[in-house]
Amino acid sequence: MFVALVIALVAVRWAAQLWLERLNGRNVRAHSGAVPEVFKGSIDPPTYRKSIDYTLAKGRLSQVEPSYDAAVLLIVLFSGLLPWGMRLFTRRLGGSAAAMAAFLFAAGIVLALPSLPFDWYHQFRLEARFGFNTTTQRTWWLDRVKGLLLALVLGFPLLWLILKLVEWMGPWWWLWAWGALLGFQLLMALLAPALILPLFNKFTPLPEGSLRQRLLALAERTGFHARRVQVMDGSKRSRHSNAFFTGFGKLRKIVLFDTLIQQLAEPELEAVLAHEIGHSKKKHVLKMLIASAVGSLAAFYVLALLAGQSWFYRSFGFEPGSIVPALLLFALLSGMVTFWFSPVLHWWSRRYEYEADAFAAEVTRGAEALIGALRKLDEKNLSNLTPHPLYSGFYYSHPTLLEREQSLRAGPNTSS
């Protein structure tokens, strides 16, 4: 019965993903004629046509990938590959926490391999076709090697600790494991800006000049105390652009993609940074960290319940007695459930975006600079200007350009 339920969950999510992609594709094609009246003046017809082609090309890839992923998942779950791999590790390395952590790590690597062809195609075919890719094969593969080594250095000890907590803490292991994961995430949030991000990108101080003075003045008058403003070489990999702040307290710093500086005027850059500061001042980051912690606590509790059920193990060819299969299976199956919560999470995220937009409009004395920045960024990134509402509900953590403009022009406390 449980096997049938799992297959049904995989099939229903797969069908929903395909349906949403086709629904969005039809909606985009329906607006593929002239530039919609509301966007005239912010995007020219050739660029609008290119944005439609880009959206449809991504949609075609997104119709193939879910079918591939669903097939791989079902094969992995019911072929006996996972129990065979665990028996192999146990025979060779024993059943210690270190050996089982090695099994989980190795399983994670093997399970990530099937997605590599799609990642490569997206970067070197789809993104290159529309002029976004600027990375080289060497850089792309080196990024993956670095990511693997970081996972080994950071992830393996965490897996080992969680498995030891199962041994040490008895029935309450899941609560201690949650605490360990939460501590690890907070530590990474502190260390990543200084130790991890520089492994992938080069950060240089924003040169002296009017832009730096403008941004530091904005930080000062909003009470956002950052040690420095830095420029990241995002153009090393893509022509897409972004801005963010990272770190906490005295370690906080403002980061601008070099592509963003090339694309926006100084008042627009100030508005974008004000939006990011708005997230901090409204405590969005803290609230989302708390929500994430609550969600992971619930996940560990459910995992502990499943780990005590022999039918859960035997459904996938494992013998009860070890927490390891439950950890692996839970990681593989959780997406079947969390997919259906994405509209709620994205609705919450979009509310925060509206609040940050309103904050930016207030501290920059008007909405026009931010609206201009959003229009330019959507144009430069060939964003989908006419997504289907249901599709955006499942996949968009940010409101669409039109929704953000309407909210900004209407003033504060009018968006929902």
Protein backbone atom coordinates (compact mmCIF):
# COMPACT_ATOMS: atom_id res chain seq x y z
CA MET A 1 0.00 0.00 0.00
CA PHE A 2 2.76 2.44 0.93
CA VAL A 3 4.68 1.65 -2.27
CA ALA A 4 1.57 2.48 -4.29
CA LEU A 5 1.20 5.75 -2.36
CA VAL A 6 4.81 6.75 -3.10
CA ILE A 7 4.41 5.97 -6.81
CA ALA A 8 1.19 7.99 -6.84
CA LEU A 9 2.89 10.95 -5.16
CA VAL A 10 5.73 10.88 -7.69
CA ALA A 11 3.28 10.62 -10.58
CA VAL A 12 1.01 13.39 -9.33
CA ARG A 13 3.88 15.82 -8.82
CA TRP A 14 5.27 14.95 -12.26
CA ALA A 15 1.87 15.52 -13.87
CA ALA A 16 1.43 18.82 -12.02
CA GLN A 17 4.86 20.07 -13.11
CA LEU A 18 4.15 19.28 -16.76
CA TRP A 19 0.69 20.80 -16.60
CA LEU A 20 2.00 24.00 -15.02
CA GLU A 21 4.72 24.34 -17.67
CA ARG A 22 2.20 23.89 -20.48
CA LEU A 23 -0.25 26.26 -18.83
CA ASN A 24 2.44 28.91 -18.56
CA GLY A 25 3.59 28.29 -22.12
CA ARG A 26 0.07 28.83 -23.47
CA ASN A 27 -0.27 32.03 -21.47
CA VAL A 28 3.05 33.37 -22.76
CA ARG A 29 2.18 32.52 -26.39
CA ALA A 30 -1.16 34.29 -25.96
CA HIS A 31 0.79 37.50 -25.24
CA SER A 32 3.46 36.94 -27.88
CA GLY A 33 2.18 39.50 -30.37
CA ALA A 34 2.84 43.16 -29.75
CA VAL A 35 4.39 44.40 -26.54
CA PRO A 36 1.56 44.69 -23.96
CA GLU A 37 0.47 48.28 -23.50
CA VAL A 38 1.59 48.39 -19.87
CA PHE A 39 5.19 47.53 -20.84
CA LYS A 40 5.53 49.85 -23.83
CA GLY A 41 8.32 52.31 -23.23
CA SER A 42 10.25 49.93 -20.98
CA ILE A 43 11.01 47.17 -23.49
CA ASP A 44 11.35 47.26 -27.28
CA PRO A 45 9.64 44.68 -29.55
CA PRO A 46 12.81 42.69 -30.43
CA THR A 47 13.77 42.32 -26.77
CA TYR A 48 10.21 41.39 -25.85
CA ARG A 49 10.21 38.71 -28.55
CA LYS A 50 13.53 37.44 -27.26
CA SER A 51 12.18 37.26 -23.70
CA ILE A 52 9.28 35.13 -24.95
CA ASP A 53 11.65 32.82 -26.82
CA TYR A 54 13.83 32.52 -23.69
CA THR A 55 10.83 31.72 -21.49
CA LEU A 56 9.52 29.09 -23.93
CA ALA A 57 12.97 27.52 -24.32
CA LYS A 58 13.30 27.19 -20.54
CA GLY A 59 9.77 25.79 -20.44
CA ARG A 60 10.61 23.08 -22.98
CA LEU A 61 13.59 22.02 -20.91
CA SER A 62 11.42 22.09 -17.80
CA GLN A 63 8.99 19.66 -19.44
CA VAL A 64 11.74 17.14 -20.15
CA GLU A 65 13.57 17.38 -16.83
CA PRO A 66 10.66 16.41 -14.51
CA SER A 67 10.00 13.25 -16.56
CA TYR A 68 13.65 12.33 -16.35
CA ASP A 69 13.82 13.11 -12.62
CA ALA A 70 10.68 11.10 -11.84
CA ALA A 71 11.99 8.09 -13.75
CA VAL A 72 15.39 8.27 -12.00
CA LEU A 73 13.72 8.61 -8.61
CA LEU A 74 11.50 5.57 -9.12
CA ILE A 75 14.45 3.51 -10.33
CA VAL A 76 16.56 4.55 -7.34
CA LEU A 77 13.76 3.82 -4.87
CA PHE A 78 12.59 0.45 -6.16
CA SER A 79 15.51 -1.11 -8.06
CA GLY A 80 17.32 -2.29 -4.94
CA LEU A 81 20.29 -0.02 -5.71
CA LEU A 82 20.22 1.72 -2.34
CA PRO A 83 20.06 -1.45 -0.16
CA TRP A 84 22.81 -2.98 -2.31
CA GLY A 85 25.01 0.08 -1.82
CA MET A 86 24.49 0.07 1.93
CA ARG A 87 25.31 -3.64 2.19
CA LEU A 88 28.46 -3.04 0.15
CA PHE A 89 29.62 -0.25 2.46
CA THR A 90 28.78 -2.27 5.55
CA ARG A 91 30.76 -5.29 4.32
CA ARG A 92 33.77 -3.17 3.39
CA LEU A 93 33.79 -0.52 6.13
CA GLY A 94 31.56 -1.85 8.90
CA GLY A 95 28.57 -0.18 10.47
CA SER A 96 30.24 2.63 12.39
CA ALA A 97 28.93 6.19 12.28
CA ALA A 98 31.88 7.19 10.09
CA ALA A 99 31.23 4.35 7.63
CA MET A 100 27.53 5.14 7.41
CA ALA A 101 28.25 8.85 7.00
CA ALA A 102 30.53 7.86 4.12
CA PHE A 103 27.67 5.83 2.61
CA LEU A 104 25.26 8.77 2.85
CA PHE A 105 27.85 11.10 1.35
CA ALA A 106 28.61 8.69 -1.50
CA ALA A 107 24.90 8.15 -2.13
CA GLY A 108 24.41 11.91 -2.35
CA ILE A 109 27.15 12.19 -4.97
CA VAL A 110 25.76 9.33 -7.05
CA LEU A 111 22.22 10.72 -6.86
CA ALA A 112 23.45 14.15 -8.01
CA LEU A 113 25.12 12.77 -11.14
CA PRO A 114 21.93 12.33 -13.24
CA SER A 115 21.24 16.07 -13.06
CA LEU A 116 24.65 17.07 -14.43
CA PRO A 117 23.69 16.78 -18.12
CA PHE A 118 20.75 19.11 -17.61
CA ASP A 119 22.86 21.61 -15.65
CA TRP A 120 25.50 21.55 -18.38
CA TYR A 121 22.94 21.97 -21.17
CA HIS A 122 21.26 24.84 -19.36
CA GLN A 123 24.55 26.70 -18.95
CA PHE A 124 26.33 26.00 -22.23
CA ARG A 125 23.43 25.65 -24.63
CA LEU A 126 20.32 27.46 -23.38
CA GLU A 127 22.02 30.33 -21.52
CA ALA A 128 24.67 30.67 -24.25
CA ARG A 129 21.99 30.79 -26.97
CA PHE A 130 20.45 33.87 -25.35
CA GLY A 131 23.74 35.57 -24.57
CA PHE A 132 23.87 35.02 -20.81
CA ASN A 133 26.65 32.47 -20.41
CA THR A 134 30.10 33.91 -19.82
CA THR A 135 31.69 30.99 -17.97
CA THR A 136 34.13 28.48 -19.38
CA GLN A 137 34.07 24.71 -19.22
CA ARG A 138 37.04 24.84 -16.86
CA THR A 139 35.34 27.23 -14.45
CA TRP A 140 32.07 25.29 -14.55
CA TRP A 141 33.70 21.97 -13.72
CA LEU A 142 36.01 23.55 -11.17
CA ASP A 143 32.96 24.98 -9.37
CA ARG A 144 31.57 21.47 -9.04
CA VAL A 145 34.85 20.08 -7.75
CA LYS A 146 35.04 22.87 -5.18
CA GLY A 147 31.45 22.21 -4.16
CA LEU A 148 32.19 18.52 -3.73
CA LEU A 149 35.25 19.21 -1.58
CA LEU A 150 33.31 21.69 0.54
CA ALA A 151 30.55 19.12 1.02
CA LEU A 152 33.15 16.62 2.12
CA VAL A 153 34.87 19.00 4.55
CA LEU A 154 31.66 20.44 6.00
CA GLY A 155 28.91 17.92 5.31
CA PHE A 156 30.66 14.69 6.27
CA PRO A 157 31.35 15.79 9.89
CA LEU A 158 27.73 16.94 10.23
CA LEU A 159 26.44 13.57 9.02
CA TRP A 160 28.79 11.79 11.41
CA LEU A 161 27.59 13.96 14.32
CA ILE A 162 23.92 13.30 13.57
CA LEU A 163 24.54 9.55 13.44
CA LYS A 164 26.44 9.71 16.75
CA LEU A 165 23.59 11.67 18.31
CA VAL A 166 21.28 8.80 17.35
CA GLU A 167 23.57 6.50 19.35
CA TRP A 168 24.01 8.84 22.31
CA MET A 169 20.57 10.40 22.81
CA GLY A 170 18.12 7.53 22.36
CA PRO A 171 14.50 8.43 21.51
CA TRP A 172 15.22 12.17 21.64
CA TRP A 173 17.98 12.03 19.05
CA TRP A 174 15.90 13.97 16.55
CA LEU A 175 15.71 17.02 18.83
CA TRP A 176 19.48 17.03 19.35
CA ALA A 177 20.07 16.46 15.64
CA TRP A 178 17.86 19.43 14.86
CA GLY A 179 19.89 21.56 17.28
CA ALA A 180 23.12 20.42 15.63
CA LEU A 181 21.81 21.28 12.17
CA LEU A 182 20.57 24.68 13.34
CA GLY A 183 23.94 25.46 14.92
CA PHE A 184 25.71 24.37 11.74
CA GLN A 185 23.52 26.63 9.58
CA LEU A 186 24.14 29.65 11.82
CA LEU A 187 27.88 28.98 11.81
CA MET A 188 27.87 28.78 8.01
CA ALA A 189 25.96 32.07 7.81
CA LEU A 190 28.78 33.67 9.79
CA LEU A 191 31.71 32.01 8.04
CA ALA A 192 30.49 31.80 4.44
CA PRO A 193 31.10 35.48 3.53
CA ALA A 194 34.73 35.33 4.61
CA LEU A 195 35.72 31.72 3.91
CA ILE A 196 33.42 30.15 1.30
CA LEU A 197 32.18 32.80 -1.13
CA PRO A 198 35.75 33.93 -2.01
CA LEU A 199 36.48 30.39 -3.17
CA PHE A 200 34.07 30.94 -6.07
CA ASN A 201 34.15 34.67 -6.77
CA LYS A 202 36.46 37.63 -6.46
CA PHE A 203 35.33 40.48 -4.19
CA THR A 204 36.86 43.93 -4.53
CA PRO A 205 36.02 47.17 -2.70
CA LEU A 206 33.73 49.52 -4.56
CA PRO A 207 36.02 52.31 -5.81
CA GLU A 208 35.85 55.76 -4.27
CA GLY A 209 33.37 57.97 -6.02
CA SER A 210 29.82 59.22 -6.10
CA LEU A 211 28.24 55.73 -6.15
CA ARG A 212 30.11 54.59 -3.06
CA GLN A 213 29.26 57.81 -1.24
CA ARG A 214 25.59 57.48 -2.21
CA LEU A 215 25.36 53.88 -1.01
CA LEU A 216 27.18 54.49 2.26
CA ALA A 217 24.98 57.54 2.90
CA LEU A 218 21.92 55.34 2.35
CA ALA A 219 23.26 52.76 4.80
CA GLU A 220 23.97 55.50 7.34
CA ARG A 221 20.54 57.13 7.22
CA THR A 222 18.74 53.79 7.40
CA GLY A 223 20.85 52.57 10.31
CA PHE A 224 22.23 49.69 8.27
CA HIS A 225 25.81 49.53 9.44
CA ALA A 226 28.00 47.61 7.02
CA ARG A 227 31.77 47.39 7.13
CA ARG A 228 32.19 47.80 3.40
CA VAL A 229 30.64 47.78 -0.05
CA GLN A 230 32.12 45.18 -2.38
CA VAL A 231 31.79 44.29 -6.04
CA MET A 232 31.54 40.63 -7.04
CA ASP A 233 32.72 39.41 -10.44
CA GLY A 234 29.37 37.88 -11.40
CA SER A 235 30.23 38.45 -15.05
CA LYS A 236 32.74 35.63 -14.71
CA ARG A 237 29.85 33.19 -15.05
CA SER A 238 26.77 35.01 -16.33
CA ARG A 239 25.33 38.30 -17.53
CA HIS A 240 22.50 37.96 -15.01
CA SER A 241 22.78 40.45 -12.15
CA ASN A 242 21.99 40.75 -8.48
CA ALA A 243 22.75 42.53 -5.21
CA PHE A 244 22.74 41.25 -1.65
CA PHE A 245 24.13 41.76 1.81
CA THR A 246 25.75 39.00 3.75
CA GLY A 247 27.04 38.37 7.25
CA PHE A 248 25.85 39.57 10.64
CA GLY A 249 26.79 42.44 12.91
CA LYS A 250 30.30 43.74 12.36
CA LEU A 251 30.89 41.15 9.63
CA ARG A 252 28.04 42.46 7.47
CA LYS A 253 28.91 43.66 3.99
CA ILE A 254 27.05 44.93 0.93
CA VAL A 255 27.73 43.08 -2.32
CA LEU A 256 26.90 44.26 -5.84
CA PHE A 257 27.36 42.18 -8.96
CA ASP A 258 29.60 43.95 -11.46
CA THR A 259 26.90 43.31 -14.07
CA LEU A 260 24.40 45.22 -11.92
CA ILE A 261 26.67 48.27 -11.81
CA GLN A 262 26.97 48.14 -15.60
CA GLN A 263 23.20 47.95 -16.11
CA LEU A 264 21.79 50.52 -13.68
CA ALA A 265 22.19 54.22 -13.02
CA GLU A 266 23.29 55.39 -9.56
CA PRO A 267 19.78 56.29 -8.26
CA GLU A 268 18.55 52.88 -9.43
CA LEU A 269 21.43 51.10 -7.70
CA GLU A 270 20.60 53.03 -4.55
CA ALA A 271 16.96 51.89 -4.79
CA VAL A 272 17.99 48.25 -5.28
CA LEU A 273 20.24 48.41 -2.23
CA ALA A 274 17.46 50.12 -0.26
CA HIS A 275 15.23 47.18 -1.12
CA GLU A 276 17.84 44.77 0.26
CA ILE A 277 18.24 46.90 3.39
CA GLY A 278 14.45 46.80 3.72
CA HIS A 279 14.61 43.04 4.14
CA SER A 280 17.03 43.54 7.03
CA LYS A 281 15.16 46.40 8.70
CA LYS A 282 11.85 44.54 8.47
CA LYS A 283 13.57 41.48 9.96
CA HIS A 284 12.55 39.31 7.02
CA VAL A 285 15.79 37.33 7.17
CA LEU A 286 15.33 36.59 10.88
CA LYS A 287 11.68 35.60 10.40
CA MET A 288 12.53 33.26 7.55
CA LEU A 289 15.36 31.72 9.58
CA ILE A 290 12.90 31.05 12.40
CA ALA A 291 10.36 29.57 9.99
CA SER A 292 13.07 27.40 8.45
CA ALA A 293 14.10 26.21 11.90
CA VAL A 294 10.50 25.31 12.76
CA GLY A 295 10.13 23.47 9.45
CA SER A 296 13.32 21.49 9.97
CA LEU A 297 12.20 20.61 13.51
CA ALA A 298 8.95 19.22 12.13
CA ALA A 299 10.90 17.32 9.48
CA PHE A 300 13.15 15.70 12.06
CA TYR A 301 10.10 14.71 14.12
CA VAL A 302 8.43 13.07 11.12
CA LEU A 303 11.72 11.39 10.25
CA ALA A 304 11.93 9.98 13.78
CA LEU A 305 8.41 8.59 13.47
CA LEU A 306 9.16 6.93 10.12
CA ALA A 307 12.45 5.55 11.44
CA GLY A 308 10.49 3.54 13.98
CA GLN A 309 8.30 1.81 11.38
CA SER A 310 9.55 -1.48 9.95
CA TRP A 311 7.13 -1.23 6.98
CA PHE A 312 8.85 2.00 5.93
CA TYR A 313 12.19 0.22 5.59
CA ARG A 314 10.88 -2.95 3.98
CA SER A 315 8.91 -1.00 1.37
CA PHE A 316 12.25 -0.07 -0.19
CA GLY A 317 14.20 -3.27 0.44
CA PHE A 318 15.95 -2.29 3.67
CA GLU A 319 15.99 -4.15 6.95
CA PRO A 320 14.99 -2.18 10.08
CA GLY A 321 17.57 -1.40 12.69
CA SER A 322 19.56 1.56 11.38
CA ILE A 323 18.59 5.20 11.04
CA VAL A 324 20.67 5.53 7.86
CA PRO A 325 18.07 4.26 5.33
CA ALA A 326 15.42 6.47 6.92
CA LEU A 327 17.64 9.55 6.52
CA LEU A 328 18.31 8.76 2.88
CA LEU A 329 14.74 7.85 1.99
CA PHE A 330 13.33 10.89 3.77
CA ALA A 331 15.65 13.15 1.77
CA LEU A 332 14.47 11.55 -1.47
CA LEU A 333 10.77 11.58 -0.65
CA SER A 334 10.31 14.92 1.11
CA GLY A 335 10.08 16.81 -2.18
CA MET A 336 6.89 14.92 -3.04
CA VAL A 337 5.19 16.74 -0.15
CA THR A 338 6.99 20.09 0.02
CA PHE A 339 6.18 20.80 -3.65
CA TRP A 340 2.54 21.33 -2.68
CA PHE A 341 3.47 23.86 0.01
CA SER A 342 5.45 26.05 -2.39
CA PRO A 343 2.50 28.39 -3.21
CA VAL A 344 2.11 29.19 0.49
CA LEU A 345 5.83 29.78 0.97
CA HIS A 346 6.03 31.92 -2.15
CA TRP A 347 2.98 33.94 -1.09
CA TRP A 348 4.78 34.68 2.17
CA SER A 349 8.00 35.56 0.33
CA ARG A 350 6.16 37.91 -2.02
CA ARG A 351 4.62 39.77 0.91
CA TYR A 352 8.14 40.44 2.14
CA GLU A 353 9.16 41.67 -1.31
CA TYR A 354 6.28 44.15 -1.31
CA GLU A 355 7.33 45.38 2.14
CA ALA A 356 10.96 45.78 1.06
CA ASP A 357 9.84 47.64 -2.07
CA ALA A 358 7.75 50.02 0.05
CA PHE A 359 10.71 50.60 2.38
CA ALA A 360 12.95 51.39 -0.60
CA ALA A 361 10.43 53.86 -2.03
CA GLU A 362 10.19 55.59 1.33
CA VAL A 363 13.92 55.99 2.01
CA THR A 364 14.75 57.01 -1.58
CA ARG A 365 11.90 59.53 -1.63
CA GLY A 366 9.81 58.00 -4.38
CA ALA A 367 9.15 54.82 -6.30
CA GLU A 368 10.42 55.87 -9.73
CA ALA A 369 14.07 54.86 -9.21
CA LEU A 370 13.11 51.37 -8.04
CA ILE A 371 10.55 50.96 -10.82
CA GLY A 372 13.19 52.00 -13.34
CA ALA A 373 15.64 49.48 -11.87
CA LEU A 374 13.08 46.67 -11.92
CA ARG A 375 12.16 47.40 -15.53
CA LYS A 376 15.79 47.41 -16.62
CA LEU A 377 16.58 44.21 -14.73
CA ASP A 378 13.60 42.40 -16.19
CA GLU A 379 14.60 43.58 -19.66
CA LYS A 380 18.28 42.65 -19.27
CA ASN A 381 17.42 39.25 -17.76
CA LEU A 382 14.69 38.54 -20.36
CA SER A 383 12.24 37.85 -17.54
CA ASN A 384 8.82 36.43 -18.28
CA LEU A 385 6.56 39.47 -18.14
CA THR A 386 3.31 37.51 -18.54
CA PRO A 387 3.48 34.33 -16.42
CA HIS A 388 0.29 32.46 -15.64
CA PRO A 389 -0.81 33.33 -12.06
CA LEU A 390 -0.94 29.68 -11.02
CA TYR A 391 2.53 29.04 -12.42
CA SER A 392 3.99 32.06 -10.65
CA GLY A 393 2.30 30.90 -7.45
CA PHE A 394 4.23 27.62 -7.57
CA TYR A 395 7.56 28.92 -8.84
CA TYR A 396 7.97 32.66 -8.21
CA SER A 397 9.30 33.82 -4.86
CA HIS A 398 9.05 37.43 -6.11
CA PRO A 399 6.01 39.26 -7.49
CA THR A 400 5.98 39.89 -11.22
CA LEU A 401 7.13 43.25 -12.58
CA LEU A 402 3.54 44.38 -13.15
CA GLU A 403 2.50 43.41 -9.62
CA ARG A 404 5.44 45.26 -8.09
CA GLU A 405 4.82 48.37 -10.15
CA GLN A 406 1.15 48.44 -9.23
CA SER A 407 1.98 48.05 -5.55
CA LEU A 408 4.65 50.76 -5.64
CA ARG A 409 2.41 53.24 -7.46
CA ALA A 410 -0.51 52.54 -5.13
CA GLY A 411 1.60 53.35 -2.09
CA PRO A 412 2.21 51.51 1.20
CA ASN A 413 -0.16 49.06 2.87
CA THR A 414 -2.09 48.24 -0.27
CA SER A 415 -0.52 44.95 -1.42
CA SER A 416 -1.61 41.56 -0.22
